[in-house]
Amino acid sequence: MYDQANSEFERIVAALTASESNVSLGKMMSSPGLKFGDKVFAFQAREGMGFRLGRDFNSNAHGNVDFEPLNPFKTKGPLKGWFIVGEKQSDAWENLAKTALAFTRTL
């Protein structure tokens, strides 16, 4: 499943960097990601793909997608406004990457 998820991530990167101005490849916690200007808005996580969707993001508006808060720290809480969507739901990643890009453009 990792190969399929990796291919989907690479396809999303290629599509967004080709079609959106100021979107480029970046890094988030040593993982490949997408950035708008100098701000990362999505990245390839070990367990799926991570998205910067904001503190006010309504996960219920995206159907049956399972969102997990991004919590990379052992002694701290999750990063506010960041969510992980697992590999099994990679069909939702492109739409979420576009949503994360739109949110990041407002910052």
PDB file of N, CA and C in Angstrom:
ATOM      1  N   MET A   1       0.831  -1.196   0.000  1.00  0.00           N
ATOM      2  CA  MET A   1       0.000   0.000   0.000  1.00  0.00           C
ATOM      3  C   MET A   1       0.875   1.259   0.000  1.00  0.00           C
ATOM      4  N   TYR A   2       2.070   1.162   0.592  1.00  0.00           N
ATOM      5  CA  TYR A   2       2.957   2.322   0.638  1.00  0.00           C
ATOM      6  C   TYR A   2       3.278   2.824  -0.764  1.00  0.00           C
ATOM      7  N   ASP A   3       3.543   1.895  -1.701  1.00  0.00           N
ATOM      8  CA  ASP A   3       3.881   2.313  -3.065  1.00  0.00           C
ATOM      9  C   ASP A   3       2.741   3.069  -3.720  1.00  0.00           C
ATOM     10  N   GLN A   4       1.518   2.608  -3.510  1.00  0.00           N
ATOM     11  CA  GLN A   4       0.354   3.285  -4.062  1.00  0.00           C
ATOM     12  C   GLN A   4       0.202   4.670  -3.442  1.00  0.00           C
ATOM     13  N   ALA A   5       0.369   4.778  -2.128  1.00  0.00           N
ATOM     14  CA  ALA A   5       0.262   6.071  -1.447  1.00  0.00           C
ATOM     15  C   ALA A   5       1.375   7.009  -1.900  1.00  0.00           C
ATOM     16  N   ASN A   6       2.579   6.480  -2.059  1.00  0.00           N
ATOM     17  CA  ASN A   6       3.699   7.288  -2.522  1.00  0.00           C
ATOM     18  C   ASN A   6       3.442   7.809  -3.936  1.00  0.00           C
ATOM     19  N   SER A   7       2.903   6.955  -4.795  1.00  0.00           N
ATOM     20  CA  SER A   7       2.575   7.378  -6.162  1.00  0.00           C
ATOM     21  C   SER A   7       1.501   8.456  -6.156  1.00  0.00           C
ATOM     22  N   GLU A   8       0.496   8.310  -5.284  1.00  0.00           N
ATOM     23  CA  GLU A   8      -0.568   9.311  -5.196  1.00  0.00           C
ATOM     24  C   GLU A   8      -0.007  10.642  -4.707  1.00  0.00           C
ATOM     25  N   PHE A   9       0.868  10.594  -3.705  1.00  0.00           N
ATOM     26  CA  PHE A   9       1.496  11.825  -3.212  1.00  0.00           C
ATOM     27  C   PHE A   9       2.286  12.501  -4.340  1.00  0.00           C
ATOM     28  N   GLU A  10       3.086  11.741  -5.057  1.00  0.00           N
ATOM     29  CA  GLU A  10       3.888  12.297  -6.151  1.00  0.00           C
ATOM     30  C   GLU A  10       3.008  12.880  -7.251  1.00  0.00           C
ATOM     31  N   ARG A  11       1.878  12.242  -7.542  1.00  0.00           N
ATOM     32  CA  ARG A  11       0.954  12.759  -8.549  1.00  0.00           C
ATOM     33  C   ARG A  11       0.373  14.104  -8.102  1.00  0.00           C
ATOM     34  N   ILE A  12       0.011  14.207  -6.826  1.00  0.00           N
ATOM     35  CA  ILE A  12      -0.532  15.459  -6.286  1.00  0.00           C
ATOM     36  C   ILE A  12       0.517  16.558  -6.337  1.00  0.00           C
ATOM     37  N   VAL A  13       1.737  16.236  -5.968  1.00  0.00           N
ATOM     38  CA  VAL A  13       2.833  17.214  -6.031  1.00  0.00           C
ATOM     39  C   VAL A  13       3.001  17.718  -7.459  1.00  0.00           C
ATOM     40  N   ALA A  14       3.048  16.813  -8.408  1.00  0.00           N
ATOM     41  CA  ALA A  14       3.237  17.205  -9.808  1.00  0.00           C
ATOM     42  C   ALA A  14       2.079  18.092 -10.289  1.00  0.00           C
ATOM     43  N   ALA A  15       0.863  17.712  -9.934  1.00  0.00           N
ATOM     44  CA  ALA A  15      -0.308  18.473 -10.385  1.00  0.00           C
ATOM     45  C   ALA A  15      -0.326  19.877  -9.789  1.00  0.00           C
ATOM     46  N   LEU A  16      -0.101  19.985  -8.493  1.00  0.00           N
ATOM     47  CA  LEU A  16      -0.194  21.300  -7.841  1.00  0.00           C
ATOM     48  C   LEU A  16       0.980  22.207  -8.172  1.00  0.00           C
ATOM     49  N   THR A  17       2.182  21.656  -8.295  1.00  0.00           N
ATOM     50  CA  THR A  17       3.321  22.513  -8.640  1.00  0.00           C
ATOM     51  C   THR A  17       3.223  22.994 -10.082  1.00  0.00           C
ATOM     52  N   ALA A  18       2.548  22.230 -10.942  1.00  0.00           N
ATOM     53  CA  ALA A  18       2.389  22.648 -12.337  1.00  0.00           C
ATOM     54  C   ALA A  18       1.247  23.649 -12.520  1.00  0.00           C
ATOM     55  N   SER A  19       0.204  23.542 -11.702  1.00  0.00           N
ATOM     56  CA  SER A  19      -0.988  24.347 -11.945  1.00  0.00           C
ATOM     57  C   SER A  19      -1.159  25.551 -11.022  1.00  0.00           C
ATOM     58  N   GLU A  20      -0.443  25.588  -9.934  1.00  0.00           N
ATOM     59  CA  GLU A  20      -0.624  26.660  -8.950  1.00  0.00           C
ATOM     60  C   GLU A  20       0.648  27.498  -8.821  1.00  0.00           C
ATOM     61  N   SER A  21       0.498  28.815  -8.923  1.00  0.00           N
ATOM     62  CA  SER A  21       1.669  29.673  -8.771  1.00  0.00           C
ATOM     63  C   SER A  21       2.105  29.707  -7.309  1.00  0.00           C
ATOM     64  N   ASN A  22       3.374  29.835  -7.086  1.00  0.00           N
ATOM     65  CA  ASN A  22       4.004  29.883  -5.767  1.00  0.00           C
ATOM     66  C   ASN A  22       3.905  28.582  -4.975  1.00  0.00           C
ATOM     67  N   VAL A  23       3.548  27.466  -5.611  1.00  0.00           N
ATOM     68  CA  VAL A  23       3.550  26.165  -4.944  1.00  0.00           C
ATOM     69  C   VAL A  23       4.795  25.417  -5.397  1.00  0.00           C
ATOM     70  N   SER A  24       5.528  24.892  -4.411  1.00  0.00           N
ATOM     71  CA  SER A  24       6.753  24.169  -4.721  1.00  0.00           C
ATOM     72  C   SER A  24       6.941  23.027  -3.725  1.00  0.00           C
ATOM     73  N   LEU A  25       7.918  22.203  -4.012  1.00  0.00           N
ATOM     74  CA  LEU A  25       8.257  21.104  -3.119  1.00  0.00           C
ATOM     75  C   LEU A  25       8.984  21.666  -1.910  1.00  0.00           C
ATOM     76  N   GLY A  26       8.671  21.150  -0.743  1.00  0.00           N
ATOM     77  CA  GLY A  26       9.309  21.591   0.492  1.00  0.00           C
ATOM     78  C   GLY A  26       9.497  20.434   1.439  1.00  0.00           C
ATOM     79  N   LYS A  27       9.747  20.734   2.693  1.00  0.00           N
ATOM     80  CA  LYS A  27       9.951  19.711   3.728  1.00  0.00           C
ATOM     81  C   LYS A  27       9.144  20.072   4.963  1.00  0.00           C
ATOM     82  N   MET A  28       8.621  19.049   5.615  1.00  0.00           N
ATOM     83  CA  MET A  28       7.958  19.191   6.912  1.00  0.00           C
ATOM     84  C   MET A  28       8.461  18.042   7.768  1.00  0.00           C
ATOM     85  N   MET A  29       9.180  18.347   8.806  1.00  0.00           N
ATOM     86  CA  MET A  29       9.730  17.331   9.707  1.00  0.00           C
ATOM     87  C   MET A  29      10.493  16.263   8.923  1.00  0.00           C
ATOM     88  N   SER A  30      11.350  16.674   8.031  1.00  0.00           N
ATOM     89  CA  SER A  30      12.203  15.818   7.195  1.00  0.00           C
ATOM     90  C   SER A  30      11.443  15.001   6.162  1.00  0.00           C
ATOM     91  N   SER A  31      10.164  15.241   5.996  1.00  0.00           N
ATOM     92  CA  SER A  31       9.364  14.532   4.995  1.00  0.00           C
ATOM     93  C   SER A  31       9.082  15.451   3.821  1.00  0.00           C
ATOM     94  N   PRO A  32       8.932  14.888   2.627  1.00  0.00           N
ATOM     95  CA  PRO A  32       8.601  15.733   1.485  1.00  0.00           C
ATOM     96  C   PRO A  32       7.224  16.364   1.660  1.00  0.00           C
ATOM     97  N   GLY A  33       7.110  17.589   1.198  1.00  0.00           N
ATOM     98  CA  GLY A  33       5.845  18.289   1.342  1.00  0.00           C
ATOM     99  C   GLY A  33       5.641  19.322   0.253  1.00  0.00           C
ATOM    100  N   LEU A  34       4.534  20.003   0.369  1.00  0.00           N
ATOM    101  CA  LEU A  34       4.186  21.087  -0.540  1.00  0.00           C
ATOM    102  C   LEU A  34       4.139  22.382   0.237  1.00  0.00           C
ATOM    103  N   LYS A  35       4.660  23.435  -0.376  1.00  0.00           N
ATOM    104  CA  LYS A  35       4.606  24.724   0.295  1.00  0.00           C
ATOM    105  C   LYS A  35       4.094  25.790  -0.661  1.00  0.00           C
ATOM    106  N   PHE A  36       3.450  26.775  -0.067  1.00  0.00           N
ATOM    107  CA  PHE A  36       2.993  27.959  -0.769  1.00  0.00           C
ATOM    108  C   PHE A  36       3.856  29.093  -0.255  1.00  0.00           C
ATOM    109  N   GLY A  37       4.651  29.675  -1.128  1.00  0.00           N
ATOM    110  CA  GLY A  37       5.634  30.650  -0.664  1.00  0.00           C
ATOM    111  C   GLY A  37       6.607  29.930   0.250  1.00  0.00           C
ATOM    112  N   ASP A  38       6.663  30.349   1.502  1.00  0.00           N
ATOM    113  CA  ASP A  38       7.564  29.685   2.456  1.00  0.00           C
ATOM    114  C   ASP A  38       6.801  28.883   3.512  1.00  0.00           C
ATOM    115  N   LYS A  39       5.491  28.652   3.303  1.00  0.00           N
ATOM    116  CA  LYS A  39       4.663  27.957   4.298  1.00  0.00           C
ATOM    117  C   LYS A  39       4.239  26.582   3.787  1.00  0.00           C
ATOM    118  N   VAL A  40       4.581  25.542   4.523  1.00  0.00           N
ATOM    119  CA  VAL A  40       4.164  24.189   4.173  1.00  0.00           C
ATOM    120  C   VAL A  40       2.674  24.043   4.461  1.00  0.00           C
ATOM    121  N   PHE A  41       1.954  23.433   3.517  1.00  0.00           N
ATOM    122  CA  PHE A  41       0.521  23.212   3.714  1.00  0.00           C
ATOM    123  C   PHE A  41       0.125  21.742   3.627  1.00  0.00           C
ATOM    124  N   ALA A  42       1.003  20.883   3.138  1.00  0.00           N
ATOM    125  CA  ALA A  42       0.731  19.446   3.069  1.00  0.00           C
ATOM    126  C   ALA A  42       2.066  18.714   3.031  1.00  0.00           C
ATOM    127  N   PHE A  43       2.073  17.486   3.541  1.00  0.00           N
ATOM    128  CA  PHE A  43       3.305  16.708   3.513  1.00  0.00           C
ATOM    129  C   PHE A  43       2.992  15.224   3.571  1.00  0.00           C
ATOM    130  N   GLN A  44       3.969  14.429   3.146  1.00  0.00           N
ATOM    131  CA  GLN A  44       3.832  12.983   3.186  1.00  0.00           C
ATOM    132  C   GLN A  44       4.223  12.505   4.576  1.00  0.00           C
ATOM    133  N   ALA A  45       3.254  11.953   5.280  1.00  0.00           N
ATOM    134  CA  ALA A  45       3.498  11.439   6.626  1.00  0.00           C
ATOM    135  C   ALA A  45       3.716   9.929   6.541  1.00  0.00           C
ATOM    136  N   ARG A  46       4.329   9.383   7.551  1.00  0.00           N
ATOM    137  CA  ARG A  46       4.593   7.947   7.585  1.00  0.00           C
ATOM    138  C   ARG A  46       3.291   7.156   7.449  1.00  0.00           C
ATOM    139  N   GLU A  47       2.245   7.627   8.095  1.00  0.00           N
ATOM    140  CA  GLU A  47       0.982   6.896   8.104  1.00  0.00           C
ATOM    141  C   GLU A  47      -0.049   7.425   7.107  1.00  0.00           C
ATOM    142  N   GLY A  48       0.332   8.377   6.271  1.00  0.00           N
ATOM    143  CA  GLY A  48      -0.602   8.939   5.298  1.00  0.00           C
ATOM    144  C   GLY A  48      -0.101  10.262   4.764  1.00  0.00           C
ATOM    145  N   MET A  49      -0.975  11.245   4.783  1.00  0.00           N
ATOM    146  CA  MET A  49      -0.608  12.588   4.327  1.00  0.00           C
ATOM    147  C   MET A  49      -1.149  13.586   5.336  1.00  0.00           C
ATOM    148  N   GLY A  50      -0.339  14.610   5.616  1.00  0.00           N
ATOM    149  CA  GLY A  50      -0.711  15.640   6.577  1.00  0.00           C
ATOM    150  C   GLY A  50      -1.120  16.916   5.870  1.00  0.00           C
ATOM    151  N   PHE A  51      -2.086  17.626   6.480  1.00  0.00           N
ATOM    152  CA  PHE A  51      -2.638  18.834   5.872  1.00  0.00           C
ATOM    153  C   PHE A  51      -2.799  19.928   6.913  1.00  0.00           C
ATOM    154  N   ARG A  52      -2.451  21.151   6.527  1.00  0.00           N
ATOM    155  CA  ARG A  52      -2.687  22.321   7.369  1.00  0.00           C
ATOM    156  C   ARG A  52      -4.056  22.887   6.980  1.00  0.00           C
ATOM    157  N   LEU A  53      -5.046  22.630   7.827  1.00  0.00           N
ATOM    158  CA  LEU A  53      -6.421  22.993   7.502  1.00  0.00           C
ATOM    159  C   LEU A  53      -6.990  24.054   8.428  1.00  0.00           C
ATOM    160  N   GLY A  54      -6.245  24.420   9.450  1.00  0.00           N
ATOM    161  CA  GLY A  54      -6.668  25.493  10.343  1.00  0.00           C
ATOM    162  C   GLY A  54      -7.440  25.009  11.561  1.00  0.00           C
ATOM    163  N   ARG A  55      -7.442  25.836  12.570  1.00  0.00           N
ATOM    164  CA  ARG A  55      -8.101  25.500  13.837  1.00  0.00           C
ATOM    165  C   ARG A  55      -9.611  25.400  13.704  1.00  0.00           C
ATOM    166  N   ASP A  56     -10.195  26.131  12.767  1.00  0.00           N
ATOM    167  CA  ASP A  56     -11.644  26.151  12.603  1.00  0.00           C
ATOM    168  C   ASP A  56     -12.138  25.159  11.547  1.00  0.00           C
ATOM    169  N   PHE A  57     -11.283  24.273  11.110  1.00  0.00           N
ATOM    170  CA  PHE A  57     -11.638  23.297  10.075  1.00  0.00           C
ATOM    171  C   PHE A  57     -12.758  22.384  10.556  1.00  0.00           C
ATOM    172  N   ASN A  58     -13.767  22.199   9.711  1.00  0.00           N
ATOM    173  CA  ASN A  58     -14.895  21.326  10.018  1.00  0.00           C
ATOM    174  C   ASN A  58     -14.702  19.999   9.293  1.00  0.00           C
ATOM    175  N   SER A  59     -14.233  18.999  10.009  1.00  0.00           N
ATOM    176  CA  SER A  59     -13.960  17.700   9.393  1.00  0.00           C
ATOM    177  C   SER A  59     -15.236  17.010   8.918  1.00  0.00           C
ATOM    178  N   ASN A  60     -16.373  17.346   9.497  1.00  0.00           N
ATOM    179  CA  ASN A  60     -17.642  16.738   9.088  1.00  0.00           C
ATOM    180  C   ASN A  60     -18.056  17.146   7.678  1.00  0.00           C
ATOM    181  N   ALA A  61     -17.508  18.237   7.181  1.00  0.00           N
ATOM    182  CA  ALA A  61     -17.854  18.719   5.844  1.00  0.00           C
ATOM    183  C   ALA A  61     -17.198  17.890   4.738  1.00  0.00           C
ATOM    184  N   HIS A  62     -16.380  16.924   5.106  1.00  0.00           N
ATOM    185  CA  HIS A  62     -15.652  16.126   4.115  1.00  0.00           C
ATOM    186  C   HIS A  62     -16.083  14.669   4.118  1.00  0.00           C
ATOM    187  N   GLY A  63     -17.335  14.405   4.409  1.00  0.00           N
ATOM    188  CA  GLY A  63     -17.870  13.056   4.313  1.00  0.00           C
ATOM    189  C   GLY A  63     -17.272  12.098   5.323  1.00  0.00           C
ATOM    190  N   ASN A  64     -16.917  10.930   4.846  1.00  0.00           N
ATOM    191  CA  ASN A  64     -16.446   9.859   5.718  1.00  0.00           C
ATOM    192  C   ASN A  64     -14.929   9.790   5.842  1.00  0.00           C
ATOM    193  N   VAL A  65     -14.259  10.885   5.693  1.00  0.00           N
ATOM    194  CA  VAL A  65     -12.808  10.920   5.826  1.00  0.00           C
ATOM    195  C   VAL A  65     -12.456  10.950   7.311  1.00  0.00           C
ATOM    196  N   ASP A  66     -11.536  10.079   7.703  1.00  0.00           N
ATOM    197  CA  ASP A  66     -11.078  10.015   9.096  1.00  0.00           C
ATOM    198  C   ASP A  66      -9.865  10.913   9.274  1.00  0.00           C
ATOM    199  N   PHE A  67     -10.023  11.933  10.094  1.00  0.00           N
ATOM    200  CA  PHE A  67      -8.957  12.887  10.370  1.00  0.00           C
ATOM    201  C   PHE A  67      -8.370  12.591  11.746  1.00  0.00           C
ATOM    202  N   GLU A  68      -7.052  12.571  11.819  1.00  0.00           N
ATOM    203  CA  GLU A  68      -6.348  12.446  13.098  1.00  0.00           C
ATOM    204  C   GLU A  68      -5.543  13.719  13.304  1.00  0.00           C
ATOM    205  N   PRO A  69      -5.530  14.275  14.507  1.00  0.00           N
ATOM    206  CA  PRO A  69      -4.675  15.440  14.740  1.00  0.00           C
ATOM    207  C   PRO A  69      -3.200  15.047  14.594  1.00  0.00           C
ATOM    208  N   LEU A  70      -2.407  15.925  14.035  1.00  0.00           N
ATOM    209  CA  LEU A  70      -0.969  15.691  13.905  1.00  0.00           C
ATOM    210  C   LEU A  70      -0.325  15.904  15.264  1.00  0.00           C
ATOM    211  N   ASN A  71       0.239  14.847  15.808  1.00  0.00           N
ATOM    212  CA  ASN A  71       0.868  14.909  17.122  1.00  0.00           C
ATOM    213  C   ASN A  71       2.250  14.250  17.064  1.00  0.00           C
ATOM    214  N   PRO A  72       3.256  14.995  16.593  1.00  0.00           N
ATOM    215  CA  PRO A  72       4.587  14.406  16.441  1.00  0.00           C
ATOM    216  C   PRO A  72       5.419  14.412  17.726  1.00  0.00           C
ATOM    217  N   PHE A  73       4.893  14.987  18.788  1.00  0.00           N
ATOM    218  CA  PHE A  73       5.675  15.154  20.008  1.00  0.00           C
ATOM    219  C   PHE A  73       5.227  14.181  21.095  1.00  0.00           C
ATOM    220  N   LYS A  74       6.161  13.730  21.897  1.00  0.00           N
ATOM    221  CA  LYS A  74       5.834  12.824  22.999  1.00  0.00           C
ATOM    222  C   LYS A  74       5.303  13.574  24.214  1.00  0.00           C
ATOM    223  N   THR A  75       5.770  14.785  24.435  1.00  0.00           N
ATOM    224  CA  THR A  75       5.423  15.495  25.666  1.00  0.00           C
ATOM    225  C   THR A  75       4.547  16.720  25.446  1.00  0.00           C
ATOM    226  N   LYS A  76       4.150  16.976  24.207  1.00  0.00           N
ATOM    227  CA  LYS A  76       3.302  18.128  23.894  1.00  0.00           C
ATOM    228  C   LYS A  76       2.017  17.641  23.238  1.00  0.00           C
ATOM    229  N   GLY A  77       1.049  18.519  23.143  1.00  0.00           N
ATOM    230  CA  GLY A  77      -0.197  18.198  22.457  1.00  0.00           C
ATOM    231  C   GLY A  77      -0.021  18.271  20.954  1.00  0.00           C
ATOM    232  N   PRO A  78      -1.084  17.971  20.224  1.00  0.00           N
ATOM    233  CA  PRO A  78      -1.016  18.015  18.759  1.00  0.00           C
ATOM    234  C   PRO A  78      -0.826  19.430  18.231  1.00  0.00           C
ATOM    235  N   LEU A  79      -0.303  19.514  17.018  1.00  0.00           N
ATOM    236  CA  LEU A  79      -0.164  20.804  16.342  1.00  0.00           C
ATOM    237  C   LEU A  79      -1.554  21.276  15.940  1.00  0.00           C
ATOM    238  N   LYS A  80      -1.926  22.429  16.382  1.00  0.00           N
ATOM    239  CA  LYS A  80      -3.268  22.951  16.120  1.00  0.00           C
ATOM    240  C   LYS A  80      -3.440  23.269  14.633  1.00  0.00           C
ATOM    241  N   GLY A  81      -4.530  22.779  14.098  1.00  0.00           N
ATOM    242  CA  GLY A  81      -4.849  23.053  12.708  1.00  0.00           C
ATOM    243  C   GLY A  81      -4.239  22.096  11.701  1.00  0.00           C
ATOM    244  N   TRP A  82      -3.481  21.107  12.171  1.00  0.00           N
ATOM    245  CA  TRP A  82      -2.862  20.124  11.286  1.00  0.00           C
ATOM    246  C   TRP A  82      -3.519  18.771  11.503  1.00  0.00           C
ATOM    247  N   PHE A  83      -3.784  18.059  10.386  1.00  0.00           N
ATOM    248  CA  PHE A  83      -4.465  16.770  10.451  1.00  0.00           C
ATOM    249  C   PHE A  83      -3.784  15.759   9.536  1.00  0.00           C
ATOM    250  N   ILE A  84      -3.875  14.486   9.919  1.00  0.00           N
ATOM    251  CA  ILE A  84      -3.354  13.378   9.120  1.00  0.00           C
ATOM    252  C   ILE A  84      -4.547  12.592   8.580  1.00  0.00           C
ATOM    253  N   VAL A  85      -4.471  12.215   7.312  1.00  0.00           N
ATOM    254  CA  VAL A  85      -5.448  11.321   6.698  1.00  0.00           C
ATOM    255  C   VAL A  85      -4.656  10.120   6.196  1.00  0.00           C
ATOM    256  N   GLY A  86      -5.065   8.939   6.631  1.00  0.00           N
ATOM    257  CA  GLY A  86      -4.329   7.717   6.345  1.00  0.00           C
ATOM    258  C   GLY A  86      -4.322   7.290   4.889  1.00  0.00           C
ATOM    259  N   GLU A  87      -3.431   6.332   4.594  1.00  0.00           N
ATOM    260  CA  GLU A  87      -3.242   5.820   3.239  1.00  0.00           C
ATOM    261  C   GLU A  87      -4.513   5.221   2.649  1.00  0.00           C
ATOM    262  N   LYS A  88      -5.340   4.612   3.488  1.00  0.00           N
ATOM    263  CA  LYS A  88      -6.555   3.969   2.983  1.00  0.00           C
ATOM    264  C   LYS A  88      -7.536   4.977   2.397  1.00  0.00           C
ATOM    265  N   GLN A  89      -7.352   6.242   2.703  1.00  0.00           N
ATOM    266  CA  GLN A  89      -8.231   7.284   2.179  1.00  0.00           C
ATOM    267  C   GLN A  89      -7.478   8.244   1.263  1.00  0.00           C
ATOM    268  N   SER A  90      -6.514   7.702   0.548  1.00  0.00           N
ATOM    269  CA  SER A  90      -5.689   8.539  -0.331  1.00  0.00           C
ATOM    270  C   SER A  90      -6.504   9.170  -1.462  1.00  0.00           C
ATOM    271  N   ASP A  91      -7.688   8.642  -1.736  1.00  0.00           N
ATOM    272  CA  ASP A  91      -8.526   9.246  -2.762  1.00  0.00           C
ATOM    273  C   ASP A  91      -9.016  10.637  -2.356  1.00  0.00           C
ATOM    274  N   ALA A  92      -8.948  10.968  -1.066  1.00  0.00           N
ATOM    275  CA  ALA A  92      -9.359  12.292  -0.574  1.00  0.00           C
ATOM    276  C   ALA A  92      -8.202  13.282  -0.520  1.00  0.00           C
ATOM    277  N   TRP A  93      -6.990  12.813  -0.701  1.00  0.00           N
ATOM    278  CA  TRP A  93      -5.816  13.664  -0.505  1.00  0.00           C
ATOM    279  C   TRP A  93      -5.759  14.875  -1.419  1.00  0.00           C
ATOM    280  N   GLU A  94      -6.032  14.709  -2.699  1.00  0.00           N
ATOM    281  CA  GLU A  94      -5.886  15.844  -3.616  1.00  0.00           C
ATOM    282  C   GLU A  94      -6.836  16.969  -3.234  1.00  0.00           C
ATOM    283  N   ASN A  95      -8.083  16.645  -2.954  1.00  0.00           N
ATOM    284  CA  ASN A  95      -9.051  17.661  -2.547  1.00  0.00           C
ATOM    285  C   ASN A  95      -8.608  18.329  -1.247  1.00  0.00           C
ATOM    286  N   LEU A  96      -8.096  17.545  -0.314  1.00  0.00           N
ATOM    287  CA  LEU A  96      -7.632  18.116   0.955  1.00  0.00           C
ATOM    288  C   LEU A  96      -6.394  18.983   0.757  1.00  0.00           C
ATOM    289  N   ALA A  97      -5.519  18.595  -0.153  1.00  0.00           N
ATOM    290  CA  ALA A  97      -4.338  19.418  -0.446  1.00  0.00           C
ATOM    291  C   ALA A  97      -4.767  20.769  -1.013  1.00  0.00           C
ATOM    292  N   LYS A  98      -5.773  20.767  -1.871  1.00  0.00           N
ATOM    293  CA  LYS A  98      -6.287  22.019  -2.426  1.00  0.00           C
ATOM    294  C   LYS A  98      -6.955  22.861  -1.333  1.00  0.00           C
ATOM    295  N   THR A  99      -7.653  22.205  -0.420  1.00  0.00           N
ATOM    296  CA  THR A  99      -8.278  22.909   0.704  1.00  0.00           C
ATOM    297  C   THR A  99      -7.201  23.515   1.598  1.00  0.00           C
ATOM    298  N   ALA A 100      -6.141  22.743   1.857  1.00  0.00           N
ATOM    299  CA  ALA A 100      -5.034  23.243   2.676  1.00  0.00           C
ATOM    300  C   ALA A 100      -4.322  24.405   1.998  1.00  0.00           C
ATOM    301  N   LEU A 101      -4.165  24.332   0.686  1.00  0.00           N
ATOM    302  CA  LEU A 101      -3.560  25.429  -0.062  1.00  0.00           C
ATOM    303  C   LEU A 101      -4.417  26.692   0.058  1.00  0.00           C
ATOM    304  N   ALA A 102      -5.720  26.538  -0.117  1.00  0.00           N
ATOM    305  CA  ALA A 102      -6.624  27.702  -0.010  1.00  0.00           C
ATOM    306  C   ALA A 102      -6.544  28.310   1.377  1.00  0.00           C
ATOM    307  N   PHE A 103      -6.492  27.473   2.412  1.00  0.00           N
ATOM    308  CA  PHE A 103      -6.362  27.992   3.764  1.00  0.00           C
ATOM    309  C   PHE A 103      -5.032  28.728   3.949  1.00  0.00           C
ATOM    310  N   THR A 104      -3.960  28.144   3.472  1.00  0.00           N
ATOM    311  CA  THR A 104      -2.631  28.730   3.648  1.00  0.00           C
ATOM    312  C   THR A 104      -2.512  30.063   2.901  1.00  0.00           C
ATOM    313  N   ARG A 105      -3.192  30.191   1.796  1.00  0.00           N
ATOM    314  CA  ARG A 105      -3.184  31.462   1.068  1.00  0.00           C
ATOM    315  C   ARG A 105      -3.777  32.602   1.898  1.00  0.00           C
ATOM    316  N   THR A 106      -4.621  32.288   2.867  1.00  0.00           N
ATOM    317  CA  THR A 106      -5.254  33.330   3.690  1.00  0.00           C
ATOM    318  C   THR A 106      -4.364  33.789   4.827  1.00  0.00           C
ATOM    319  N   LEU A 107      -3.268  33.099   5.089  1.00  0.00           N
ATOM    320  CA  LEU A 107      -2.404  33.441   6.241  1.00  0.00           C
ATOM    321  C   LEU A 107      -1.486  34.598   5.938  1.00  0.00           C
TER     322      LEU A 107
END
